[in-house]
Amino acid sequence: MNDDISAHDHHTRRCPMLGHEVAFSYCRQPASPLPCRKIFDCWWETFDVKTFAASHFTAEDIDKSLAPRQDKRVSLVQLIEQAKKAAKASTDPT
């Protein structure tokens, strides 16, 4: 096994979530240090992505990346509540 995390970055494929070609480098770190939640579904035919992930990410990181995404409505309500609390805290004279 190659220990270089960028060893498979030259591979490309169509991303089912984005709808266009992406390099593996994007899938292993899509705007976060964790891999994409679909990394195993997309890359298993190209190379041994499970061994790659196990050697470059902790089991906890892999579990986090595979966890179901929160419903957008729920996260929107949470963001609104956080904004309300922040606004109240900034105007509260205590």
PDB file of N, CA and C in Angstrom:
ATOM      1  N   MET A   1       0.844  -1.191   0.000  1.00  0.00           N
ATOM      2  CA  MET A   1       0.000   0.000   0.000  1.00  0.00           C
ATOM      3  C   MET A   1       0.883   1.246   0.000  1.00  0.00           C
ATOM      4  N   ASN A   2       0.565   2.165  -0.846  1.00  0.00           N
ATOM      5  CA  ASN A   2       1.290   3.422  -0.918  1.00  0.00           C
ATOM      6  C   ASN A   2       0.815   4.328   0.220  1.00  0.00           C
ATOM      7  N   ASP A   3       1.736   4.860   1.022  1.00  0.00           N
ATOM      8  CA  ASP A   3       1.376   5.715   2.149  1.00  0.00           C
ATOM      9  C   ASP A   3       1.062   7.149   1.728  1.00  0.00           C
ATOM     10  N   ASP A   4       1.321   7.483   0.478  1.00  0.00           N
ATOM     11  CA  ASP A   4       1.076   8.832  -0.021  1.00  0.00           C
ATOM     12  C   ASP A   4      -0.427   9.056  -0.171  1.00  0.00           C
ATOM     13  N   ILE A   5      -0.971  10.018   0.578  1.00  0.00           N
ATOM     14  CA  ILE A   5      -2.413  10.273   0.528  1.00  0.00           C
ATOM     15  C   ILE A   5      -2.865  10.758  -0.849  1.00  0.00           C
ATOM     16  N   SER A   6      -1.962  11.311  -1.630  1.00  0.00           N
ATOM     17  CA  SER A   6      -2.326  11.819  -2.953  1.00  0.00           C
ATOM     18  C   SER A   6      -2.084  10.811  -4.077  1.00  0.00           C
ATOM     19  N   ALA A   7      -1.772   9.574  -3.733  1.00  0.00           N
ATOM     20  CA  ALA A   7      -1.426   8.557  -4.733  1.00  0.00           C
ATOM     21  C   ALA A   7      -2.537   8.294  -5.750  1.00  0.00           C
ATOM     22  N   HIS A   8      -3.792   8.486  -5.374  1.00  0.00           N
ATOM     23  CA  HIS A   8      -4.920   8.209  -6.269  1.00  0.00           C
ATOM     24  C   HIS A   8      -5.581   9.480  -6.808  1.00  0.00           C
ATOM     25  N   ASP A   9      -4.990  10.624  -6.534  1.00  0.00           N
ATOM     26  CA  ASP A   9      -5.593  11.895  -6.932  1.00  0.00           C
ATOM     27  C   ASP A   9      -5.758  12.046  -8.435  1.00  0.00           C
ATOM     28  N   HIS A  10      -5.012  11.308  -9.226  1.00  0.00           N
ATOM     29  CA  HIS A  10      -5.093  11.425 -10.681  1.00  0.00           C
ATOM     30  C   HIS A  10      -6.358  10.773 -11.250  1.00  0.00           C
ATOM     31  N   HIS A  11      -7.014   9.915 -10.467  1.00  0.00           N
ATOM     32  CA  HIS A  11      -8.251   9.281 -10.937  1.00  0.00           C
ATOM     33  C   HIS A  11      -9.383  10.303 -10.982  1.00  0.00           C
ATOM     34  N   THR A  12     -10.211  10.207 -12.003  1.00  0.00           N
ATOM     35  CA  THR A  12     -11.391  11.073 -12.100  1.00  0.00           C
ATOM     36  C   THR A  12     -12.610  10.226 -12.414  1.00  0.00           C
ATOM     37  N   ARG A  13     -13.757  10.751 -12.072  1.00  0.00           N
ATOM     38  CA  ARG A  13     -15.033  10.103 -12.375  1.00  0.00           C
ATOM     39  C   ARG A  13     -16.153  11.125 -12.227  1.00  0.00           C
ATOM     40  N   ARG A  14     -17.324  10.763 -12.712  1.00  0.00           N
ATOM     41  CA  ARG A  14     -18.487  11.638 -12.596  1.00  0.00           C
ATOM     42  C   ARG A  14     -19.040  11.525 -11.175  1.00  0.00           C
ATOM     43  N   CYS A  15     -19.221  12.652 -10.542  1.00  0.00           N
ATOM     44  CA  CYS A  15     -19.762  12.692  -9.188  1.00  0.00           C
ATOM     45  C   CYS A  15     -21.289  12.647  -9.264  1.00  0.00           C
ATOM     46  N   PRO A  16     -21.931  11.683  -8.612  1.00  0.00           N
ATOM     47  CA  PRO A  16     -23.389  11.617  -8.660  1.00  0.00           C
ATOM     48  C   PRO A  16     -24.072  12.761  -7.907  1.00  0.00           C
ATOM     49  N   MET A  17     -23.381  13.378  -6.973  1.00  0.00           N
ATOM     50  CA  MET A  17     -23.982  14.479  -6.215  1.00  0.00           C
ATOM     51  C   MET A  17     -23.800  15.821  -6.922  1.00  0.00           C
ATOM     52  N   LEU A  18     -22.632  16.024  -7.550  1.00  0.00           N
ATOM     53  CA  LEU A  18     -22.364  17.297  -8.224  1.00  0.00           C
ATOM     54  C   LEU A  18     -22.782  17.295  -9.686  1.00  0.00           C
ATOM     55  N   GLY A  19     -22.754  16.109 -10.305  1.00  0.00           N
ATOM     56  CA  GLY A  19     -23.182  15.993 -11.692  1.00  0.00           C
ATOM     57  C   GLY A  19     -22.105  16.279 -12.722  1.00  0.00           C
ATOM     58  N   HIS A  20     -20.841  16.287 -12.318  1.00  0.00           N
ATOM     59  CA  HIS A  20     -19.750  16.503 -13.273  1.00  0.00           C
ATOM     60  C   HIS A  20     -18.511  15.745 -12.807  1.00  0.00           C
ATOM     61  N   GLU A  21     -17.482  15.750 -13.637  1.00  0.00           N
ATOM     62  CA  GLU A  21     -16.230  15.050 -13.338  1.00  0.00           C
ATOM     63  C   GLU A  21     -15.514  15.705 -12.154  1.00  0.00           C
ATOM     64  N   VAL A  22     -14.993  14.861 -11.288  1.00  0.00           N
ATOM     65  CA  VAL A  22     -14.158  15.336 -10.181  1.00  0.00           C
ATOM     66  C   VAL A  22     -12.973  14.398 -10.036  1.00  0.00           C
ATOM     67  N   ALA A  23     -11.911  14.920  -9.501  1.00  0.00           N
ATOM     68  CA  ALA A  23     -10.737  14.104  -9.191  1.00  0.00           C
ATOM     69  C   ALA A  23     -10.925  13.480  -7.815  1.00  0.00           C
ATOM     70  N   PHE A  24     -10.250  12.374  -7.583  1.00  0.00           N
ATOM     71  CA  PHE A  24     -10.342  11.722  -6.283  1.00  0.00           C
ATOM     72  C   PHE A  24      -9.910  12.663  -5.159  1.00  0.00           C
ATOM     73  N   SER A  25      -9.001  13.567  -5.441  1.00  0.00           N
ATOM     74  CA  SER A  25      -8.542  14.507  -4.411  1.00  0.00           C
ATOM     75  C   SER A  25      -9.708  15.300  -3.828  1.00  0.00           C
ATOM     76  N   TYR A  26     -10.693  15.628  -4.648  1.00  0.00           N
ATOM     77  CA  TYR A  26     -11.874  16.334  -4.141  1.00  0.00           C
ATOM     78  C   TYR A  26     -12.670  15.419  -3.203  1.00  0.00           C
ATOM     79  N   CYS A  27     -12.823  14.169  -3.583  1.00  0.00           N
ATOM     80  CA  CYS A  27     -13.634  13.231  -2.807  1.00  0.00           C
ATOM     81  C   CYS A  27     -13.029  12.913  -1.446  1.00  0.00           C
ATOM     82  N   ARG A  28     -11.724  12.943  -1.359  1.00  0.00           N
ATOM     83  CA  ARG A  28     -11.109  12.631  -0.065  1.00  0.00           C
ATOM     84  C   ARG A  28     -11.109  13.831   0.875  1.00  0.00           C
ATOM     85  N   GLN A  29     -11.394  15.049   0.369  1.00  0.00           N
ATOM     86  CA  GLN A  29     -11.473  16.237   1.223  1.00  0.00           C
ATOM     87  C   GLN A  29     -12.398  17.283   0.616  1.00  0.00           C
ATOM     88  N   PRO A  30     -13.698  17.022   0.536  1.00  0.00           N
ATOM     89  CA  PRO A  30     -14.611  18.002  -0.058  1.00  0.00           C
ATOM     90  C   PRO A  30     -14.987  19.122   0.915  1.00  0.00           C
ATOM     91  N   ALA A  31     -14.194  20.150   0.974  1.00  0.00           N
ATOM     92  CA  ALA A  31     -14.438  21.316   1.844  1.00  0.00           C
ATOM     93  C   ALA A  31     -14.394  20.972   3.330  1.00  0.00           C
ATOM     94  N   SER A  32     -13.766  19.877   3.676  1.00  0.00           N
ATOM     95  CA  SER A  32     -13.563  19.501   5.074  1.00  0.00           C
ATOM     96  C   SER A  32     -12.419  18.488   5.117  1.00  0.00           C
ATOM     97  N   PRO A  33     -11.889  18.241   6.288  1.00  0.00           N
ATOM     98  CA  PRO A  33     -10.811  17.259   6.356  1.00  0.00           C
ATOM     99  C   PRO A  33     -11.297  15.812   6.240  1.00  0.00           C
ATOM    100  N   LEU A  34     -12.605  15.609   6.239  1.00  0.00           N
ATOM    101  CA  LEU A  34     -13.176  14.265   6.143  1.00  0.00           C
ATOM    102  C   LEU A  34     -13.510  13.910   4.700  1.00  0.00           C
ATOM    103  N   PRO A  35     -13.465  12.619   4.366  1.00  0.00           N
ATOM    104  CA  PRO A  35     -13.825  12.227   3.001  1.00  0.00           C
ATOM    105  C   PRO A  35     -15.322  12.359   2.740  1.00  0.00           C
ATOM    106  N   CYS A  36     -15.688  12.391   1.480  1.00  0.00           N
ATOM    107  CA  CYS A  36     -17.086  12.445   1.064  1.00  0.00           C
ATOM    108  C   CYS A  36     -17.817  11.212   1.571  1.00  0.00           C
ATOM    109  N   ARG A  37     -19.070  11.360   1.900  1.00  0.00           N
ATOM    110  CA  ARG A  37     -19.846  10.232   2.414  1.00  0.00           C
ATOM    111  C   ARG A  37     -20.092   9.156   1.375  1.00  0.00           C
ATOM    112  N   LYS A  38     -19.888   9.461   0.095  1.00  0.00           N
ATOM    113  CA  LYS A  38     -20.107   8.497  -0.984  1.00  0.00           C
ATOM    114  C   LYS A  38     -18.796   7.916  -1.516  1.00  0.00           C
ATOM    115  N   ILE A  39     -17.693   8.163  -0.822  1.00  0.00           N
ATOM    116  CA  ILE A  39     -16.383   7.754  -1.333  1.00  0.00           C
ATOM    117  C   ILE A  39     -16.302   6.254  -1.616  1.00  0.00           C
ATOM    118  N   PHE A  40     -16.895   5.436  -0.763  1.00  0.00           N
ATOM    119  CA  PHE A  40     -16.837   3.994  -0.970  1.00  0.00           C
ATOM    120  C   PHE A  40     -17.742   3.551  -2.120  1.00  0.00           C
ATOM    121  N   ASP A  41     -18.897   4.174  -2.240  1.00  0.00           N
ATOM    122  CA  ASP A  41     -19.823   3.845  -3.330  1.00  0.00           C
ATOM    123  C   ASP A  41     -19.241   4.189  -4.695  1.00  0.00           C
ATOM    124  N   CYS A  42     -18.531   5.279  -4.770  1.00  0.00           N
ATOM    125  CA  CYS A  42     -18.039   5.767  -6.061  1.00  0.00           C
ATOM    126  C   CYS A  42     -16.723   5.127  -6.512  1.00  0.00           C
ATOM    127  N   TRP A  43     -15.837   4.834  -5.605  1.00  0.00           N
ATOM    128  CA  TRP A  43     -14.476   4.474  -5.996  1.00  0.00           C
ATOM    129  C   TRP A  43     -14.116   3.007  -5.840  1.00  0.00           C
ATOM    130  N   TRP A  44     -14.997   2.158  -5.361  1.00  0.00           N
ATOM    131  CA  TRP A  44     -14.644   0.765  -5.085  1.00  0.00           C
ATOM    132  C   TRP A  44     -14.200  -0.009  -6.318  1.00  0.00           C
ATOM    133  N   GLU A  45     -14.685   0.376  -7.496  1.00  0.00           N
ATOM    134  CA  GLU A  45     -14.283  -0.335  -8.718  1.00  0.00           C
ATOM    135  C   GLU A  45     -12.929   0.129  -9.259  1.00  0.00           C
ATOM    136  N   THR A  46     -12.482   1.292  -8.836  1.00  0.00           N
ATOM    137  CA  THR A  46     -11.247   1.866  -9.359  1.00  0.00           C
ATOM    138  C   THR A  46     -10.010   1.385  -8.600  1.00  0.00           C
ATOM    139  N   PHE A  47     -10.097   1.339  -7.285  1.00  0.00           N
ATOM    140  CA  PHE A  47      -8.995   0.858  -6.447  1.00  0.00           C
ATOM    141  C   PHE A  47      -9.564   0.476  -5.086  1.00  0.00           C
ATOM    142  N   ASP A  48      -8.745  -0.092  -4.229  1.00  0.00           N
ATOM    143  CA  ASP A  48      -9.186  -0.540  -2.907  1.00  0.00           C
ATOM    144  C   ASP A  48      -9.348   0.670  -1.981  1.00  0.00           C
ATOM    145  N   VAL A  49     -10.471   1.335  -2.117  1.00  0.00           N
ATOM    146  CA  VAL A  49     -10.712   2.578  -1.386  1.00  0.00           C
ATOM    147  C   VAL A  49     -10.903   2.322   0.110  1.00  0.00           C
ATOM    148  N   LYS A  50     -11.366   1.148   0.494  1.00  0.00           N
ATOM    149  CA  LYS A  50     -11.518   0.850   1.931  1.00  0.00           C
ATOM    150  C   LYS A  50     -10.156   0.781   2.621  1.00  0.00           C
ATOM    151  N   THR A  51      -9.205   0.134   1.983  1.00  0.00           N
ATOM    152  CA  THR A  51      -7.856   0.076   2.547  1.00  0.00           C
ATOM    153  C   THR A  51      -7.230   1.468   2.565  1.00  0.00           C
ATOM    154  N   PHE A  52      -7.438   2.234   1.494  1.00  0.00           N
ATOM    155  CA  PHE A  52      -6.935   3.603   1.438  1.00  0.00           C
ATOM    156  C   PHE A  52      -7.483   4.417   2.610  1.00  0.00           C
ATOM    157  N   ALA A  53      -8.797   4.383   2.799  1.00  0.00           N
ATOM    158  CA  ALA A  53      -9.432   5.167   3.860  1.00  0.00           C
ATOM    159  C   ALA A  53      -8.953   4.719   5.238  1.00  0.00           C
ATOM    160  N   ALA A  54      -8.854   3.417   5.429  1.00  0.00           N
ATOM    161  CA  ALA A  54      -8.411   2.898   6.731  1.00  0.00           C
ATOM    162  C   ALA A  54      -6.980   3.310   7.065  1.00  0.00           C
ATOM    163  N   SER A  55      -6.158   3.508   6.040  1.00  0.00           N
ATOM    164  CA  SER A  55      -4.770   3.876   6.312  1.00  0.00           C
ATOM    165  C   SER A  55      -4.554   5.389   6.427  1.00  0.00           C
ATOM    166  N   HIS A  56      -5.552   6.184   6.023  1.00  0.00           N
ATOM    167  CA  HIS A  56      -5.378   7.640   6.061  1.00  0.00           C
ATOM    168  C   HIS A  56      -6.371   8.380   6.966  1.00  0.00           C
ATOM    169  N   PHE A  57      -7.395   7.678   7.425  1.00  0.00           N
ATOM    170  CA  PHE A  57      -8.400   8.300   8.301  1.00  0.00           C
ATOM    171  C   PHE A  57      -8.662   7.380   9.485  1.00  0.00           C
ATOM    172  N   THR A  58      -9.033   7.959  10.610  1.00  0.00           N
ATOM    173  CA  THR A  58      -9.384   7.135  11.766  1.00  0.00           C
ATOM    174  C   THR A  58     -10.759   6.526  11.536  1.00  0.00           C
ATOM    175  N   ALA A  59     -11.062   5.486  12.278  1.00  0.00           N
ATOM    176  CA  ALA A  59     -12.391   4.864  12.189  1.00  0.00           C
ATOM    177  C   ALA A  59     -13.477   5.874  12.561  1.00  0.00           C
ATOM    178  N   GLU A  60     -13.182   6.739  13.524  1.00  0.00           N
ATOM    179  CA  GLU A  60     -14.155   7.769  13.927  1.00  0.00           C
ATOM    180  C   GLU A  60     -14.404   8.753  12.790  1.00  0.00           C
ATOM    181  N   ASP A  61     -13.339   9.159  12.085  1.00  0.00           N
ATOM    182  CA  ASP A  61     -13.499  10.074  10.950  1.00  0.00           C
ATOM    183  C   ASP A  61     -14.347   9.441   9.851  1.00  0.00           C
ATOM    184  N   ILE A  62     -14.097   8.175   9.581  1.00  0.00           N
ATOM    185  CA  ILE A  62     -14.873   7.479   8.551  1.00  0.00           C
ATOM    186  C   ILE A  62     -16.337   7.391   8.970  1.00  0.00           C
ATOM    187  N   ASP A  63     -16.580   7.053  10.236  1.00  0.00           N
ATOM    188  CA  ASP A  63     -17.954   6.990  10.733  1.00  0.00           C
ATOM    189  C   ASP A  63     -18.651   8.343  10.629  1.00  0.00           C
ATOM    190  N   LYS A  64     -17.934   9.420  10.968  1.00  0.00           N
ATOM    191  CA  LYS A  64     -18.510  10.772  10.857  1.00  0.00           C
ATOM    192  C   LYS A  64     -18.877  11.096   9.415  1.00  0.00           C
ATOM    193  N   SER A  65     -17.999  10.738   8.496  1.00  0.00           N
ATOM    194  CA  SER A  65     -18.261  11.075   7.091  1.00  0.00           C
ATOM    195  C   SER A  65     -19.398  10.244   6.514  1.00  0.00           C
ATOM    196  N   LEU A  66     -19.628   9.052   7.050  1.00  0.00           N
ATOM    197  CA  LEU A  66     -20.697   8.196   6.549  1.00  0.00           C
ATOM    198  C   LEU A  66     -22.030   8.430   7.245  1.00  0.00           C
ATOM    199  N   ALA A  67     -22.027   9.210   8.322  1.00  0.00           N
ATOM    200  CA  ALA A  67     -23.261   9.465   9.066  1.00  0.00           C
ATOM    201  C   ALA A  67     -24.277  10.189   8.180  1.00  0.00           C
ATOM    202  N   PRO A  68     -25.558   9.858   8.347  1.00  0.00           N
ATOM    203  CA  PRO A  68     -26.587  10.541   7.546  1.00  0.00           C
ATOM    204  C   PRO A  68     -26.564  12.045   7.798  1.00  0.00           C
ATOM    205  N   ARG A  69     -26.802  12.778   6.756  1.00  0.00           N
ATOM    206  CA  ARG A  69     -26.841  14.240   6.870  1.00  0.00           C
ATOM    207  C   ARG A  69     -28.113  14.673   7.580  1.00  0.00           C
ATOM    208  N   GLN A  70     -28.022  15.754   8.321  1.00  0.00           N
ATOM    209  CA  GLN A  70     -29.170  16.296   9.019  1.00  0.00           C
ATOM    210  C   GLN A  70     -30.116  16.932   8.000  1.00  0.00           C
ATOM    211  N   ASP A  71     -31.405  16.795   8.237  1.00  0.00           N
ATOM    212  CA  ASP A  71     -32.403  17.408   7.373  1.00  0.00           C
ATOM    213  C   ASP A  71     -32.160  18.915   7.307  1.00  0.00           C
ATOM    214  N   LYS A  72     -32.230  19.480   6.122  1.00  0.00           N
ATOM    215  CA  LYS A  72     -31.925  20.909   5.955  1.00  0.00           C
ATOM    216  C   LYS A  72     -32.872  21.795   6.754  1.00  0.00           C
ATOM    217  N   ARG A  73     -34.122  21.383   6.881  1.00  0.00           N
ATOM    218  CA  ARG A  73     -35.073  22.198   7.653  1.00  0.00           C
ATOM    219  C   ARG A  73     -34.674  22.240   9.120  1.00  0.00           C
ATOM    220  N   VAL A  74     -34.229  21.109   9.645  1.00  0.00           N
ATOM    221  CA  VAL A  74     -33.813  21.054  11.046  1.00  0.00           C
ATOM    222  C   VAL A  74     -32.593  21.942  11.262  1.00  0.00           C
ATOM    223  N   SER A  75     -31.614  21.854  10.380  1.00  0.00           N
ATOM    224  CA  SER A  75     -30.416  22.676  10.550  1.00  0.00           C
ATOM    225  C   SER A  75     -30.741  24.157  10.367  1.00  0.00           C
ATOM    226  N   LEU A  76     -31.685  24.484   9.487  1.00  0.00           N
ATOM    227  CA  LEU A  76     -32.088  25.882   9.305  1.00  0.00           C
ATOM    228  C   LEU A  76     -32.740  26.428  10.571  1.00  0.00           C
ATOM    229  N   VAL A  77     -33.605  25.641  11.183  1.00  0.00           N
ATOM    230  CA  VAL A  77     -34.248  26.070  12.436  1.00  0.00           C
ATOM    231  C   VAL A  77     -33.190  26.265  13.520  1.00  0.00           C
ATOM    232  N   GLN A  78     -32.210  25.360  13.591  1.00  0.00           N
ATOM    233  CA  GLN A  78     -31.143  25.496  14.586  1.00  0.00           C
ATOM    234  C   GLN A  78     -30.326  26.762  14.352  1.00  0.00           C
ATOM    235  N   LEU A  79     -30.037  27.071  13.095  1.00  0.00           N
ATOM    236  CA  LEU A  79     -29.289  28.296  12.786  1.00  0.00           C
ATOM    237  C   LEU A  79     -30.084  29.541  13.172  1.00  0.00           C
ATOM    238  N   ILE A  80     -31.384  29.521  12.945  1.00  0.00           N
ATOM    239  CA  ILE A  80     -32.233  30.657  13.311  1.00  0.00           C
ATOM    240  C   ILE A  80     -32.237  30.839  14.823  1.00  0.00           C
ATOM    241  N   GLU A  81     -32.349  29.742  15.545  1.00  0.00           N
ATOM    242  CA  GLU A  81     -32.334  29.815  17.009  1.00  0.00           C
ATOM    243  C   GLU A  81     -30.997  30.352  17.530  1.00  0.00           C
ATOM    244  N   GLN A  82     -29.906  29.917  16.934  1.00  0.00           N
ATOM    245  CA  GLN A  82     -28.589  30.421  17.333  1.00  0.00           C
ATOM    246  C   GLN A  82     -28.475  31.914  17.062  1.00  0.00           C
ATOM    247  N   ALA A  83     -28.991  32.353  15.936  1.00  0.00           N
ATOM    248  CA  ALA A  83     -28.940  33.778  15.593  1.00  0.00           C
ATOM    249  C   ALA A  83     -29.784  34.594  16.566  1.00  0.00           C
ATOM    250  N   LYS A  84     -30.949  34.079  16.942  1.00  0.00           N
ATOM    251  CA  LYS A  84     -31.799  34.782  17.901  1.00  0.00           C
ATOM    252  C   LYS A  84     -31.090  34.916  19.247  1.00  0.00           C
ATOM    253  N   LYS A  85     -30.455  33.836  19.702  1.00  0.00           N
ATOM    254  CA  LYS A  85     -29.742  33.872  20.990  1.00  0.00           C
ATOM    255  C   LYS A  85     -28.579  34.848  20.928  1.00  0.00           C
ATOM    256  N   ALA A  86     -27.855  34.852  19.810  1.00  0.00           N
ATOM    257  CA  ALA A  86     -26.724  35.758  19.663  1.00  0.00           C
ATOM    258  C   ALA A  86     -27.202  37.214  19.645  1.00  0.00           C
ATOM    259  N   ALA A  87     -28.289  37.462  18.949  1.00  0.00           N
ATOM    260  CA  ALA A  87     -28.823  38.833  18.893  1.00  0.00           C
ATOM    261  C   ALA A  87     -29.300  39.277  20.271  1.00  0.00           C
ATOM    262  N   LYS A  88     -29.966  38.406  21.003  1.00  0.00           N
ATOM    263  CA  LYS A  88     -30.443  38.729  22.350  1.00  0.00           C
ATOM    264  C   LYS A  88     -29.255  38.978  23.286  1.00  0.00           C
ATOM    265  N   ALA A  89     -28.220  38.155  23.176  1.00  0.00           N
ATOM    266  CA  ALA A  89     -27.047  38.312  24.032  1.00  0.00           C
ATOM    267  C   ALA A  89     -26.309  39.615  23.755  1.00  0.00           C
ATOM    268  N   SER A  90     -26.301  40.033  22.489  1.00  0.00           N
ATOM    269  CA  SER A  90     -25.587  41.282  22.160  1.00  0.00           C
ATOM    270  C   SER A  90     -26.364  42.524  22.562  1.00  0.00           C
ATOM    271  N   THR A  91     -27.687  42.418  22.769  1.00  0.00           N
ATOM    272  CA  THR A  91     -28.485  43.578  23.189  1.00  0.00           C
ATOM    273  C   THR A  91     -28.832  43.538  24.653  1.00  0.00           C
ATOM    274  N   ASP A  92     -28.556  42.428  25.327  1.00  0.00           N
ATOM    275  CA  ASP A  92     -28.840  42.281  26.753  1.00  0.00           C
ATOM    276  C   ASP A  92     -27.774  43.039  27.559  1.00  0.00           C
ATOM    277  N   PRO A  93     -28.166  43.979  28.430  1.00  0.00           N
ATOM    278  CA  PRO A  93     -27.178  44.784  29.157  1.00  0.00           C
ATOM    279  C   PRO A  93     -26.528  44.067  30.342  1.00  0.00           C
ATOM    280  N   THR A  94     -26.798  42.797  30.585  1.00  0.00           N
ATOM    281  CA  THR A  94     -26.219  42.106  31.753  1.00  0.00           C
ATOM    282  C   THR A  94     -24.820  41.676  31.580  1.00  0.00           C
TER     283      THR A  94
END
